Amino acid sequence: MKLKKDFIVHRTEDECLIVPLGGASFSGMVRGNESSGVIFDCLKNDTTIDAIVKELMDRYEAPEETVRNDVNNVINKLKKIGALEM
């Protein structure tokens, strides 16, 4: 899975955003924190949930179950707005 070409990742000082381009069916922004930004960055290329979880586990100290739940929540939100190619 990866982020559709109709969406771009934009970083500010405090947050990371996914912004739809003109061809996207979703209008609005998806806001996330630093760890969401890591997920968004992973989705720039074809990846898996396991690979994203590993990337986050390498960066942060947190229980794997918590990280996996967070990744699944973000992925489900992105699926809901049609931002992912599966």
Protein backbone atom coordinates (compact mmCIF):
# COMPACT_ATOMS: atom_id res chain seq x y z
CA MET A 1 0.00 0.00 0.00
CA LYS A 2 1.07 3.57 -0.51
CA LEU A 3 -0.25 7.10 -0.54
CA LYS A 4 -2.10 7.98 -3.74
CA LYS A 5 -0.44 10.51 -6.02
CA ASP A 6 -3.38 12.87 -5.39
CA PHE A 7 -2.13 13.45 -1.82
CA ILE A 8 1.06 15.10 -0.58
CA VAL A 9 2.75 15.17 2.81
CA HIS A 10 3.56 18.58 4.24
CA ARG A 11 5.44 19.23 7.47
CA THR A 12 5.20 22.27 9.72
CA GLU A 13 7.08 22.87 12.95
CA ASP A 14 4.50 21.12 15.12
CA GLU A 15 2.61 18.74 12.88
CA CYS A 16 2.54 16.75 9.70
CA LEU A 17 -0.27 17.12 7.19
CA ILE A 18 -1.61 15.14 4.28
CA VAL A 19 -3.07 17.53 1.74
CA PRO A 20 -5.18 16.45 -1.23
CA LEU A 21 -4.41 17.82 -4.67
CA GLY A 22 -7.05 18.80 -7.23
CA GLY A 23 -7.74 15.24 -8.40
CA ALA A 24 -8.57 13.84 -4.95
CA SER A 25 -12.17 13.13 -3.98
CA PHE A 26 -11.45 14.23 -0.40
CA SER A 27 -11.29 17.92 0.47
CA GLY A 28 -9.66 18.91 3.71
CA MET A 29 -6.46 18.01 5.52
CA VAL A 30 -5.33 15.14 7.67
CA ARG A 31 -3.31 16.38 10.61
CA GLY A 32 -0.92 14.26 12.57
CA ASN A 33 1.86 14.44 15.11
CA GLU A 34 5.50 13.42 14.71
CA SER A 35 4.81 9.69 14.77
CA SER A 36 1.98 10.10 12.26
CA GLY A 37 4.50 11.91 10.09
CA VAL A 38 6.70 8.81 10.13
CA ILE A 39 3.72 6.75 8.98
CA PHE A 40 2.94 9.29 6.24
CA ASP A 41 6.58 9.25 5.11
CA CYS A 42 6.59 5.43 4.97
CA LEU A 43 3.50 5.59 2.77
CA LYS A 44 5.30 7.67 0.14
CA ASN A 45 6.58 4.31 -1.13
CA ASP A 46 4.88 0.93 -1.33
CA THR A 47 4.99 -0.59 2.16
CA THR A 48 3.24 -2.84 4.64
CA ILE A 49 1.82 -2.36 8.11
CA ASP A 50 4.58 -4.59 9.49
CA ALA A 51 7.27 -2.42 7.88
CA ILE A 52 5.69 0.75 9.28
CA VAL A 53 5.46 -0.79 12.76
CA LYS A 54 9.13 -1.78 12.56
CA GLU A 55 10.13 1.74 11.52
CA LEU A 56 8.27 3.23 14.48
CA MET A 57 9.65 0.62 16.88
CA ASP A 58 13.18 1.50 15.72
CA ARG A 59 12.53 5.17 16.51
CA TYR A 60 10.40 5.14 19.64
CA GLU A 61 10.21 3.16 22.85
CA ALA A 62 6.66 1.88 23.05
CA PRO A 63 4.96 -1.50 23.31
CA GLU A 64 4.51 -3.15 19.92
CA GLU A 65 0.79 -3.63 20.52
CA THR A 66 0.35 0.12 21.08
CA VAL A 67 2.36 0.99 17.98
CA ARG A 68 0.46 -1.53 15.84
CA ASN A 69 -2.90 -0.16 17.08
CA ASP A 70 -1.82 3.41 16.30
CA VAL A 71 -0.63 2.44 12.82
CA ASN A 72 -3.89 0.60 12.13
CA ASN A 73 -5.90 3.64 13.27
CA VAL A 74 -4.01 5.96 10.93
CA ILE A 75 -4.22 3.51 8.02
CA ASN A 76 -7.97 3.07 8.55
CA LYS A 77 -8.50 6.84 8.52
CA LEU A 78 -6.50 7.17 5.32
CA LYS A 79 -8.48 4.32 3.72
CA LYS A 80 -11.72 6.02 4.72
CA ILE A 81 -10.83 9.18 2.79
CA GLY A 82 -9.50 7.24 -0.19
CA ALA A 83 -5.88 8.31 0.26
CA LEU A 84 -4.27 4.86 -0.14
CA GLU A 85 -3.48 2.61 -3.08
CA MET A 86 -3.79 -0.96 -1.91
